[in-house]
Amino acid sequence: MPEHKRGRSANTSAAVKYKPKKPSLYKVIMLNDDVTTMDFVVDILVKIFDKPREKAVELMYKVHREGRAVIARYPYDIAATKRRQAVEKARAEGFPFNIDLESE
């Protein structure tokens, strides 16, 4: 029996494919201050942002020289969680360290 006689038209696809939308990314921007130690910043980059030590040192110097640097890009929930963890750790140690989030 021809295809069009079995209840399907020749122009209709058998299955509709669903392509999920990728989540928007947010830039995690570390800000420089005159109090937070370089060692603390490197520690945050390694332990919270999973950067290799060499890359962490490079990013720390970039923040130090330029006043700020994008250190990572994540979906909002992950970026906000990592920001909160880093700022809470800084406050617990008495540092004014801060991080901004910006939509891409």
PDB file of N, CA and C in Angstrom:
ATOM      1  N   MET A   1       0.841  -1.170   0.000  1.00  0.00           N
ATOM      2  CA  MET A   1       0.000   0.000   0.000  1.00  0.00           C
ATOM      3  C   MET A   1       0.894   1.243   0.000  1.00  0.00           C
ATOM      4  N   PRO A   2       0.602   2.238  -0.783  1.00  0.00           N
ATOM      5  CA  PRO A   2       1.414   3.446  -0.831  1.00  0.00           C
ATOM      6  C   PRO A   2       1.409   4.174   0.516  1.00  0.00           C
ATOM      7  N   GLU A   3       2.492   4.894   0.790  1.00  0.00           N
ATOM      8  CA  GLU A   3       2.685   5.609   2.060  1.00  0.00           C
ATOM      9  C   GLU A   3       1.531   6.552   2.377  1.00  0.00           C
ATOM     10  N   HIS A   4       1.091   7.316   1.410  1.00  0.00           N
ATOM     11  CA  HIS A   4       0.048   8.313   1.671  1.00  0.00           C
ATOM     12  C   HIS A   4      -1.299   7.678   1.984  1.00  0.00           C
ATOM     13  N   LYS A   5      -1.510   6.442   1.682  1.00  0.00           N
ATOM     14  CA  LYS A   5      -2.786   5.772   1.939  1.00  0.00           C
ATOM     15  C   LYS A   5      -2.811   5.141   3.327  1.00  0.00           C
ATOM     16  N   ARG A   6      -1.681   5.069   4.040  1.00  0.00           N
ATOM     17  CA  ARG A   6      -1.653   4.462   5.367  1.00  0.00           C
ATOM     18  C   ARG A   6      -1.867   5.484   6.486  1.00  0.00           C
ATOM     19  N   GLY A   7      -2.339   6.648   6.205  1.00  0.00           N
ATOM     20  CA  GLY A   7      -2.642   7.609   7.240  1.00  0.00           C
ATOM     21  C   GLY A   7      -1.581   8.694   7.417  1.00  0.00           C
ATOM     22  N   ARG A   8      -0.494   8.612   6.718  1.00  0.00           N
ATOM     23  CA  ARG A   8       0.557   9.631   6.802  1.00  0.00           C
ATOM     24  C   ARG A   8       0.666  10.330   5.468  1.00  0.00           C
ATOM     25  N   SER A   9       0.855  11.622   5.515  1.00  0.00           N
ATOM     26  CA  SER A   9       1.086  12.293   4.237  1.00  0.00           C
ATOM     27  C   SER A   9       2.571  12.195   3.932  1.00  0.00           C
ATOM     28  N   ALA A  10       2.912  12.359   2.722  1.00  0.00           N
ATOM     29  CA  ALA A  10       4.304  12.255   2.297  1.00  0.00           C
ATOM     30  C   ALA A  10       5.146  13.391   2.873  1.00  0.00           C
ATOM     31  N   ASN A  11       4.536  14.505   3.300  1.00  0.00           N
ATOM     32  CA  ASN A  11       5.274  15.664   3.804  1.00  0.00           C
ATOM     33  C   ASN A  11       5.485  15.651   5.320  1.00  0.00           C
ATOM     34  N   THR A  12       4.893  14.730   6.046  1.00  0.00           N
ATOM     35  CA  THR A  12       4.990  14.696   7.499  1.00  0.00           C
ATOM     36  C   THR A  12       6.136  13.784   7.912  1.00  0.00           C
ATOM     37  N   SER A  13       6.979  14.287   8.810  1.00  0.00           N
ATOM     38  CA  SER A  13       8.077  13.433   9.292  1.00  0.00           C
ATOM     39  C   SER A  13       7.548  12.490  10.355  1.00  0.00           C
ATOM     40  N   ALA A  14       8.208  11.369  10.519  1.00  0.00           N
ATOM     41  CA  ALA A  14       7.776  10.346  11.464  1.00  0.00           C
ATOM     42  C   ALA A  14       7.999  10.791  12.901  1.00  0.00           C
ATOM     43  N   ALA A  15       9.028  11.538  13.171  1.00  0.00           N
ATOM     44  CA  ALA A  15       9.323  11.967  14.542  1.00  0.00           C
ATOM     45  C   ALA A  15       9.809  13.415  14.525  1.00  0.00           C
ATOM     46  N   VAL A  16       9.352  14.168  15.482  1.00  0.00           N
ATOM     47  CA  VAL A  16       9.814  15.545  15.629  1.00  0.00           C
ATOM     48  C   VAL A  16      11.022  15.506  16.553  1.00  0.00           C
ATOM     49  N   LYS A  17      12.117  16.052  16.085  1.00  0.00           N
ATOM     50  CA  LYS A  17      13.333  16.033  16.902  1.00  0.00           C
ATOM     51  C   LYS A  17      13.348  17.257  17.803  1.00  0.00           C
ATOM     52  N   TYR A  18      13.663  17.044  19.075  1.00  0.00           N
ATOM     53  CA  TYR A  18      13.751  18.104  20.059  1.00  0.00           C
ATOM     54  C   TYR A  18      15.212  18.388  20.335  1.00  0.00           C
ATOM     55  N   LYS A  19      15.583  19.636  20.199  1.00  0.00           N
ATOM     56  CA  LYS A  19      16.957  20.027  20.464  1.00  0.00           C
ATOM     57  C   LYS A  19      16.935  20.973  21.658  1.00  0.00           C
ATOM     58  N   PRO A  20      17.411  20.519  22.825  1.00  0.00           N
ATOM     59  CA  PRO A  20      17.360  21.387  23.999  1.00  0.00           C
ATOM     60  C   PRO A  20      18.252  22.611  23.825  1.00  0.00           C
ATOM     61  N   LYS A  21      17.805  23.715  24.375  1.00  0.00           N
ATOM     62  CA  LYS A  21      18.547  24.965  24.288  1.00  0.00           C
ATOM     63  C   LYS A  21      19.669  24.934  25.326  1.00  0.00           C
ATOM     64  N   LYS A  22      20.871  25.344  24.915  1.00  0.00           N
ATOM     65  CA  LYS A  22      21.986  25.417  25.852  1.00  0.00           C
ATOM     66  C   LYS A  22      21.731  26.565  26.820  1.00  0.00           C
ATOM     67  N   PRO A  23      22.088  26.372  28.108  1.00  0.00           N
ATOM     68  CA  PRO A  23      21.873  27.455  29.063  1.00  0.00           C
ATOM     69  C   PRO A  23      22.800  28.633  28.776  1.00  0.00           C
ATOM     70  N   SER A  24      22.337  29.817  29.111  1.00  0.00           N
ATOM     71  CA  SER A  24      23.163  31.014  28.951  1.00  0.00           C
ATOM     72  C   SER A  24      24.351  30.927  29.896  1.00  0.00           C
ATOM     73  N   LEU A  25      25.484  31.416  29.442  1.00  0.00           N
ATOM     74  CA  LEU A  25      26.669  31.407  30.284  1.00  0.00           C
ATOM     75  C   LEU A  25      26.871  32.774  30.932  1.00  0.00           C
ATOM     76  N   TYR A  26      27.463  32.733  32.105  1.00  0.00           N
ATOM     77  CA  TYR A  26      27.800  33.949  32.843  1.00  0.00           C
ATOM     78  C   TYR A  26      29.300  34.000  33.053  1.00  0.00           C
ATOM     79  N   LYS A  27      29.855  35.195  32.861  1.00  0.00           N
ATOM     80  CA  LYS A  27      31.272  35.391  33.124  1.00  0.00           C
ATOM     81  C   LYS A  27      31.456  35.584  34.626  1.00  0.00           C
ATOM     82  N   VAL A  28      32.425  34.864  35.181  1.00  0.00           N
ATOM     83  CA  VAL A  28      32.792  35.023  36.581  1.00  0.00           C
ATOM     84  C   VAL A  28      34.011  35.949  36.579  1.00  0.00           C
ATOM     85  N   ILE A  29      33.851  37.125  37.178  1.00  0.00           N
ATOM     86  CA  ILE A  29      34.883  38.154  37.125  1.00  0.00           C
ATOM     87  C   ILE A  29      35.428  38.404  38.529  1.00  0.00           C
ATOM     88  N   MET A  30      36.705  38.107  38.697  1.00  0.00           N
ATOM     89  CA  MET A  30      37.364  38.329  39.970  1.00  0.00           C
ATOM     90  C   MET A  30      37.877  39.761  40.014  1.00  0.00           C
ATOM     91  N   LEU A  31      37.653  40.419  41.166  1.00  0.00           N
ATOM     92  CA  LEU A  31      38.040  41.817  41.335  1.00  0.00           C
ATOM     93  C   LEU A  31      39.241  41.934  42.265  1.00  0.00           C
ATOM     94  N   ASN A  32      40.104  42.881  41.977  1.00  0.00           N
ATOM     95  CA  ASN A  32      41.279  43.121  42.809  1.00  0.00           C
ATOM     96  C   ASN A  32      40.915  43.996  44.004  1.00  0.00           C
ATOM     97  N   ASP A  33      41.630  43.803  45.099  1.00  0.00           N
ATOM     98  CA  ASP A  33      41.553  44.713  46.237  1.00  0.00           C
ATOM     99  C   ASP A  33      42.945  44.782  46.848  1.00  0.00           C
ATOM    100  N   ASP A  34      43.128  45.696  47.799  1.00  0.00           N
ATOM    101  CA  ASP A  34      44.455  45.903  48.375  1.00  0.00           C
ATOM    102  C   ASP A  34      44.702  45.085  49.640  1.00  0.00           C
ATOM    103  N   VAL A  35      43.785  44.202  50.014  1.00  0.00           N
ATOM    104  CA  VAL A  35      43.901  43.468  51.270  1.00  0.00           C
ATOM    105  C   VAL A  35      44.055  41.960  51.068  1.00  0.00           C
ATOM    106  N   THR A  36      43.255  41.392  50.187  1.00  0.00           N
ATOM    107  CA  THR A  36      43.268  39.942  49.978  1.00  0.00           C
ATOM    108  C   THR A  36      44.642  39.499  49.480  1.00  0.00           C
ATOM    109  N   THR A  37      45.188  38.458  50.113  1.00  0.00           N
ATOM    110  CA  THR A  37      46.525  37.999  49.741  1.00  0.00           C
ATOM    111  C   THR A  37      46.520  37.228  48.427  1.00  0.00           C
ATOM    112  N   MET A  38      47.653  37.265  47.765  1.00  0.00           N
ATOM    113  CA  MET A  38      47.799  36.527  46.508  1.00  0.00           C
ATOM    114  C   MET A  38      47.637  35.030  46.738  1.00  0.00           C
ATOM    115  N   ASP A  39      48.168  34.528  47.843  1.00  0.00           N
ATOM    116  CA  ASP A  39      48.043  33.098  48.153  1.00  0.00           C
ATOM    117  C   ASP A  39      46.585  32.690  48.317  1.00  0.00           C
ATOM    118  N   PHE A  40      45.786  33.548  48.957  1.00  0.00           N
ATOM    119  CA  PHE A  40      44.366  33.246  49.137  1.00  0.00           C
ATOM    120  C   PHE A  40      43.661  33.172  47.783  1.00  0.00           C
ATOM    121  N   VAL A  41      43.955  34.120  46.909  1.00  0.00           N
ATOM    122  CA  VAL A  41      43.328  34.147  45.577  1.00  0.00           C
ATOM    123  C   VAL A  41      43.682  32.883  44.798  1.00  0.00           C
ATOM    124  N   VAL A  42      44.951  32.488  44.822  1.00  0.00           N
ATOM    125  CA  VAL A  42      45.371  31.265  44.130  1.00  0.00           C
ATOM    126  C   VAL A  42      44.637  30.063  44.718  1.00  0.00           C
ATOM    127  N   ASP A  43      44.520  30.015  46.051  1.00  0.00           N
ATOM    128  CA  ASP A  43      43.825  28.917  46.716  1.00  0.00           C
ATOM    129  C   ASP A  43      42.365  28.825  46.265  1.00  0.00           C
ATOM    130  N   ILE A  44      41.687  29.962  46.167  1.00  0.00           N
ATOM    131  CA  ILE A  44      40.286  30.001  45.690  1.00  0.00           C
ATOM    132  C   ILE A  44      40.201  29.474  44.258  1.00  0.00           C
ATOM    133  N   LEU A  45      41.115  29.925  43.410  1.00  0.00           N
ATOM    134  CA  LEU A  45      41.101  29.498  42.004  1.00  0.00           C
ATOM    135  C   LEU A  45      41.336  27.999  41.866  1.00  0.00           C
ATOM    136  N   VAL A  46      42.183  27.450  42.702  1.00  0.00           N
ATOM    137  CA  VAL A  46      42.480  26.014  42.634  1.00  0.00           C
ATOM    138  C   VAL A  46      41.336  25.201  43.244  1.00  0.00           C
ATOM    139  N   LYS A  47      40.927  25.544  44.457  1.00  0.00           N
ATOM    140  CA  LYS A  47      39.968  24.715  45.202  1.00  0.00           C
ATOM    141  C   LYS A  47      38.512  24.897  44.786  1.00  0.00           C
ATOM    142  N   ILE A  48      38.112  26.103  44.441  1.00  0.00           N
ATOM    143  CA  ILE A  48      36.702  26.332  44.098  1.00  0.00           C
ATOM    144  C   ILE A  48      36.479  26.339  42.595  1.00  0.00           C
ATOM    145  N   PHE A  49      37.426  26.921  41.850  1.00  0.00           N
ATOM    146  CA  PHE A  49      37.244  27.027  40.404  1.00  0.00           C
ATOM    147  C   PHE A  49      38.014  25.967  39.617  1.00  0.00           C
ATOM    148  N   ASP A  50      38.627  25.022  40.325  1.00  0.00           N
ATOM    149  CA  ASP A  50      39.288  23.858  39.708  1.00  0.00           C
ATOM    150  C   ASP A  50      40.352  24.214  38.673  1.00  0.00           C
ATOM    151  N   LYS A  51      41.079  25.294  38.916  1.00  0.00           N
ATOM    152  CA  LYS A  51      42.157  25.693  38.007  1.00  0.00           C
ATOM    153  C   LYS A  51      43.451  24.993  38.417  1.00  0.00           C
ATOM    154  N   PRO A  52      44.253  24.562  37.451  1.00  0.00           N
ATOM    155  CA  PRO A  52      45.585  24.040  37.793  1.00  0.00           C
ATOM    156  C   PRO A  52      46.391  25.188  38.434  1.00  0.00           C
ATOM    157  N   ARG A  53      47.281  24.872  39.351  1.00  0.00           N
ATOM    158  CA  ARG A  53      48.028  25.883  40.090  1.00  0.00           C
ATOM    159  C   ARG A  53      48.697  26.909  39.161  1.00  0.00           C
ATOM    160  N   GLU A  54      49.317  26.444  38.089  1.00  0.00           N
ATOM    161  CA  GLU A  54      50.004  27.363  37.163  1.00  0.00           C
ATOM    162  C   GLU A  54      49.028  28.369  36.552  1.00  0.00           C
ATOM    163  N   LYS A  55      47.861  27.898  36.127  1.00  0.00           N
ATOM    164  CA  LYS A  55      46.838  28.776  35.552  1.00  0.00           C
ATOM    165  C   LYS A  55      46.288  29.714  36.622  1.00  0.00           C
ATOM    166  N   ALA A  56      46.129  29.219  37.850  1.00  0.00           N
ATOM    167  CA  ALA A  56      45.635  30.033  38.957  1.00  0.00           C
ATOM    168  C   ALA A  56      46.581  31.203  39.231  1.00  0.00           C
ATOM    169  N   VAL A  57      47.873  30.937  39.228  1.00  0.00           N
ATOM    170  CA  VAL A  57      48.863  31.997  39.454  1.00  0.00           C
ATOM    171  C   VAL A  57      48.785  33.020  38.322  1.00  0.00           C
ATOM    172  N   GLU A  58      48.680  32.550  37.100  1.00  0.00           N
ATOM    173  CA  GLU A  58      48.569  33.443  35.939  1.00  0.00           C
ATOM    174  C   GLU A  58      47.334  34.349  36.055  1.00  0.00           C
ATOM    175  N   LEU A  59      46.189  33.766  36.417  1.00  0.00           N
ATOM    176  CA  LEU A  59      44.963  34.548  36.579  1.00  0.00           C
ATOM    177  C   LEU A  59      45.077  35.538  37.738  1.00  0.00           C
ATOM    178  N   MET A  60      45.681  35.105  38.837  1.00  0.00           N
ATOM    179  CA  MET A  60      45.850  35.982  39.997  1.00  0.00           C
ATOM    180  C   MET A  60      46.650  37.221  39.607  1.00  0.00           C
ATOM    181  N   TYR A  61      47.744  37.036  38.855  1.00  0.00           N
ATOM    182  CA  TYR A  61      48.547  38.179  38.418  1.00  0.00           C
ATOM    183  C   TYR A  61      47.774  39.074  37.448  1.00  0.00           C
ATOM    184  N   LYS A  62      46.951  38.478  36.615  1.00  0.00           N
ATOM    185  CA  LYS A  62      46.131  39.279  35.692  1.00  0.00           C
ATOM    186  C   LYS A  62      45.168  40.168  36.486  1.00  0.00           C
ATOM    187  N   VAL A  63      44.518  39.605  37.495  1.00  0.00           N
ATOM    188  CA  VAL A  63      43.616  40.382  38.357  1.00  0.00           C
ATOM    189  C   VAL A  63      44.405  41.489  39.051  1.00  0.00           C
ATOM    190  N   HIS A  64      45.584  41.149  39.556  1.00  0.00           N
ATOM    191  CA  HIS A  64      46.425  42.108  40.274  1.00  0.00           C
ATOM    192  C   HIS A  64      46.832  43.286  39.376  1.00  0.00           C
ATOM    193  N   ARG A  65      47.243  42.981  38.149  1.00  0.00           N
ATOM    194  CA  ARG A  65      47.709  44.017  37.212  1.00  0.00           C
ATOM    195  C   ARG A  65      46.566  44.842  36.629  1.00  0.00           C
ATOM    196  N   GLU A  66      45.480  44.174  36.238  1.00  0.00           N
ATOM    197  CA  GLU A  66      44.403  44.840  35.498  1.00  0.00           C
ATOM    198  C   GLU A  66      43.214  45.275  36.362  1.00  0.00           C
ATOM    199  N   GLY A  67      43.184  44.823  37.606  1.00  0.00           N
ATOM    200  CA  GLY A  67      42.086  45.193  38.496  1.00  0.00           C
ATOM    201  C   GLY A  67      40.914  44.242  38.467  1.00  0.00           C
ATOM    202  N   ARG A  68      40.842  43.432  37.439  1.00  0.00           N
ATOM    203  CA  ARG A  68      39.759  42.439  37.288  1.00  0.00           C
ATOM    204  C   ARG A  68      40.108  41.500  36.151  1.00  0.00           C
ATOM    205  N   ALA A  69      39.516  40.317  36.171  1.00  0.00           N
ATOM    206  CA  ALA A  69      39.727  39.361  35.078  1.00  0.00           C
ATOM    207  C   ALA A  69      38.603  38.337  35.073  1.00  0.00           C
ATOM    208  N   VAL A  70      38.220  37.906  33.873  1.00  0.00           N
ATOM    209  CA  VAL A  70      37.266  36.804  33.732  1.00  0.00           C
ATOM    210  C   VAL A  70      38.033  35.530  34.053  1.00  0.00           C
ATOM    211  N   ILE A  71      37.563  34.813  35.054  1.00  0.00           N
ATOM    212  CA  ILE A  71      38.275  33.602  35.476  1.00  0.00           C
ATOM    213  C   ILE A  71      37.569  32.329  35.039  1.00  0.00           C
ATOM    214  N   ALA A  72      36.286  32.432  34.654  1.00  0.00           N
ATOM    215  CA  ALA A  72      35.539  31.236  34.227  1.00  0.00           C
ATOM    216  C   ALA A  72      34.228  31.673  33.583  1.00  0.00           C
ATOM    217  N   ARG A  73      33.562  30.720  32.948  1.00  0.00           N
ATOM    218  CA  ARG A  73      32.230  30.905  32.375  1.00  0.00           C
ATOM    219  C   ARG A  73      31.414  29.667  32.724  1.00  0.00           C
ATOM    220  N   TYR A  74      30.245  29.911  33.317  1.00  0.00           N
ATOM    221  CA  TYR A  74      29.370  28.814  33.741  1.00  0.00           C
ATOM    222  C   TYR A  74      27.919  29.211  33.522  1.00  0.00           C
ATOM    223  N   PRO A  75      27.004  28.220  33.516  1.00  0.00           N
ATOM    224  CA  PRO A  75      25.586  28.553  33.614  1.00  0.00           C
ATOM    225  C   PRO A  75      25.364  29.285  34.946  1.00  0.00           C
ATOM    226  N   TYR A  76      24.310  30.082  35.022  1.00  0.00           N
ATOM    227  CA  TYR A  76      24.106  30.960  36.175  1.00  0.00           C
ATOM    228  C   TYR A  76      24.167  30.233  37.524  1.00  0.00           C
ATOM    229  N   ASP A  77      23.467  29.130  37.670  1.00  0.00           N
ATOM    230  CA  ASP A  77      23.419  28.444  38.968  1.00  0.00           C
ATOM    231  C   ASP A  77      24.812  28.040  39.450  1.00  0.00           C
ATOM    232  N   ILE A  78      25.625  27.546  38.549  1.00  0.00           N
ATOM    233  CA  ILE A  78      26.978  27.131  38.924  1.00  0.00           C
ATOM    234  C   ILE A  78      27.832  28.352  39.248  1.00  0.00           C
ATOM    235  N   ALA A  79      27.743  29.390  38.425  1.00  0.00           N
ATOM    236  CA  ALA A  79      28.511  30.615  38.653  1.00  0.00           C
ATOM    237  C   ALA A  79      28.146  31.229  40.002  1.00  0.00           C
ATOM    238  N   ALA A  80      26.862  31.310  40.311  1.00  0.00           N
ATOM    239  CA  ALA A  80      26.414  31.913  41.571  1.00  0.00           C
ATOM    240  C   ALA A  80      26.857  31.084  42.774  1.00  0.00           C
ATOM    241  N   THR A  81      26.815  29.773  42.639  1.00  0.00           N
ATOM    242  CA  THR A  81      27.240  28.895  43.741  1.00  0.00           C
ATOM    243  C   THR A  81      28.724  29.050  44.006  1.00  0.00           C
ATOM    244  N   LYS A  82      29.529  29.038  42.959  1.00  0.00           N
ATOM    245  CA  LYS A  82      30.978  29.177  43.134  1.00  0.00           C
ATOM    246  C   LYS A  82      31.329  30.567  43.683  1.00  0.00           C
ATOM    247  N   ARG A  83      30.625  31.579  43.217  1.00  0.00           N
ATOM    248  CA  ARG A  83      30.838  32.930  43.745  1.00  0.00           C
ATOM    249  C   ARG A  83      30.546  32.955  45.242  1.00  0.00           C
ATOM    250  N   ARG A  84      29.388  32.410  45.643  1.00  0.00           N
ATOM    251  CA  ARG A  84      29.004  32.384  47.054  1.00  0.00           C
ATOM    252  C   ARG A  84      30.038  31.648  47.897  1.00  0.00           C
ATOM    253  N   GLN A  85      30.505  30.497  47.424  1.00  0.00           N
ATOM    254  CA  GLN A  85      31.506  29.723  48.164  1.00  0.00           C
ATOM    255  C   GLN A  85      32.788  30.533  48.362  1.00  0.00           C
ATOM    256  N   ALA A  86      33.240  31.195  47.308  1.00  0.00           N
ATOM    257  CA  ALA A  86      34.483  31.966  47.377  1.00  0.00           C
ATOM    258  C   ALA A  86      34.346  33.163  48.318  1.00  0.00           C
ATOM    259  N   VAL A  87      33.240  33.891  48.218  1.00  0.00           N
ATOM    260  CA  VAL A  87      33.042  35.081  49.048  1.00  0.00           C
ATOM    261  C   VAL A  87      32.861  34.682  50.516  1.00  0.00           C
ATOM    262  N   GLU A  88      32.141  33.596  50.775  1.00  0.00           N
ATOM    263  CA  GLU A  88      31.979  33.127  52.161  1.00  0.00           C
ATOM    264  C   GLU A  88      33.323  32.742  52.771  1.00  0.00           C
ATOM    265  N   LYS A  89      34.151  32.072  51.997  1.00  0.00           N
ATOM    266  CA  LYS A  89      35.482  31.684  52.482  1.00  0.00           C
ATOM    267  C   LYS A  89      36.325  32.932  52.759  1.00  0.00           C
ATOM    268  N   ALA A  90      36.227  33.928  51.884  1.00  0.00           N
ATOM    269  CA  ALA A  90      36.975  35.172  52.070  1.00  0.00           C
ATOM    270  C   ALA A  90      36.521  35.892  53.345  1.00  0.00           C
ATOM    271  N   ARG A  91      35.219  35.997  53.540  1.00  0.00           N
ATOM    272  CA  ARG A  91      34.702  36.687  54.729  1.00  0.00           C
ATOM    273  C   ARG A  91      35.121  35.957  56.004  1.00  0.00           C
ATOM    274  N   ALA A  92      35.115  34.636  55.956  1.00  0.00           N
ATOM    275  CA  ALA A  92      35.523  33.844  57.117  1.00  0.00           C
ATOM    276  C   ALA A  92      36.987  34.112  57.485  1.00  0.00           C
ATOM    277  N   GLU A  93      37.784  34.478  56.498  1.00  0.00           N
ATOM    278  CA  GLU A  93      39.203  34.758  56.735  1.00  0.00           C
ATOM    279  C   GLU A  93      39.498  36.258  56.830  1.00  0.00           C
ATOM    280  N   GLY A  94      38.446  37.070  56.773  1.00  0.00           N
ATOM    281  CA  GLY A  94      38.599  38.507  56.963  1.00  0.00           C
ATOM    282  C   GLY A  94      39.018  39.301  55.734  1.00  0.00           C
ATOM    283  N   PHE A  95      38.819  38.742  54.543  1.00  0.00           N
ATOM    284  CA  PHE A  95      39.203  39.435  53.312  1.00  0.00           C
ATOM    285  C   PHE A  95      37.990  40.090  52.650  1.00  0.00           C
ATOM    286  N   PRO A  96      38.170  41.274  52.023  1.00  0.00           N
ATOM    287  CA  PRO A  96      37.078  41.931  51.310  1.00  0.00           C
ATOM    288  C   PRO A  96      36.919  41.449  49.863  1.00  0.00           C
ATOM    289  N   PHE A  97      37.602  40.400  49.502  1.00  0.00           N
ATOM    290  CA  PHE A  97      37.571  39.774  48.180  1.00  0.00           C
ATOM    291  C   PHE A  97      36.166  39.738  47.620  1.00  0.00           C
ATOM    292  N   ASN A  98      36.031  39.982  46.307  1.00  0.00           N
ATOM    293  CA  ASN A  98      34.710  39.904  45.691  1.00  0.00           C
ATOM    294  C   ASN A  98      34.783  39.441  44.251  1.00  0.00           C
ATOM    295  N   ILE A  99      33.651  38.960  43.767  1.00  0.00           N
ATOM    296  CA  ILE A  99      33.497  38.434  42.408  1.00  0.00           C
ATOM    297  C   ILE A  99      32.196  38.979  41.854  1.00  0.00           C
ATOM    298  N   ASP A 100      32.216  39.393  40.585  1.00  0.00           N
ATOM    299  CA  ASP A 100      31.007  39.809  39.871  1.00  0.00           C
ATOM    300  C   ASP A 100      30.618  38.721  38.878  1.00  0.00           C
ATOM    301  N   LEU A 101      29.343  38.697  38.532  1.00  0.00           N
ATOM    302  CA  LEU A 101      28.840  37.819  37.473  1.00  0.00           C
ATOM    303  C   LEU A 101      28.235  38.713  36.394  1.00  0.00           C
ATOM    304  N   GLU A 102      28.547  38.393  35.140  1.00  0.00           N
ATOM    305  CA  GLU A 102      27.975  39.134  34.003  1.00  0.00           C
ATOM    306  C   GLU A 102      27.456  38.156  32.976  1.00  0.00           C
ATOM    307  N   SER A 103      26.283  38.428  32.469  1.00  0.00           N
ATOM    308  CA  SER A 103      25.706  37.622  31.396  1.00  0.00           C
ATOM    309  C   SER A 103      26.517  37.824  30.132  1.00  0.00           C
ATOM    310  N   GLU A 104      26.679  36.757  29.348  1.00  0.00           N
ATOM    311  CA  GLU A 104      27.407  36.881  28.082  1.00  0.00           C
ATOM    312  C   GLU A 104      26.489  37.351  26.983  1.00  0.00           C
TER     313      GLU A 104
END
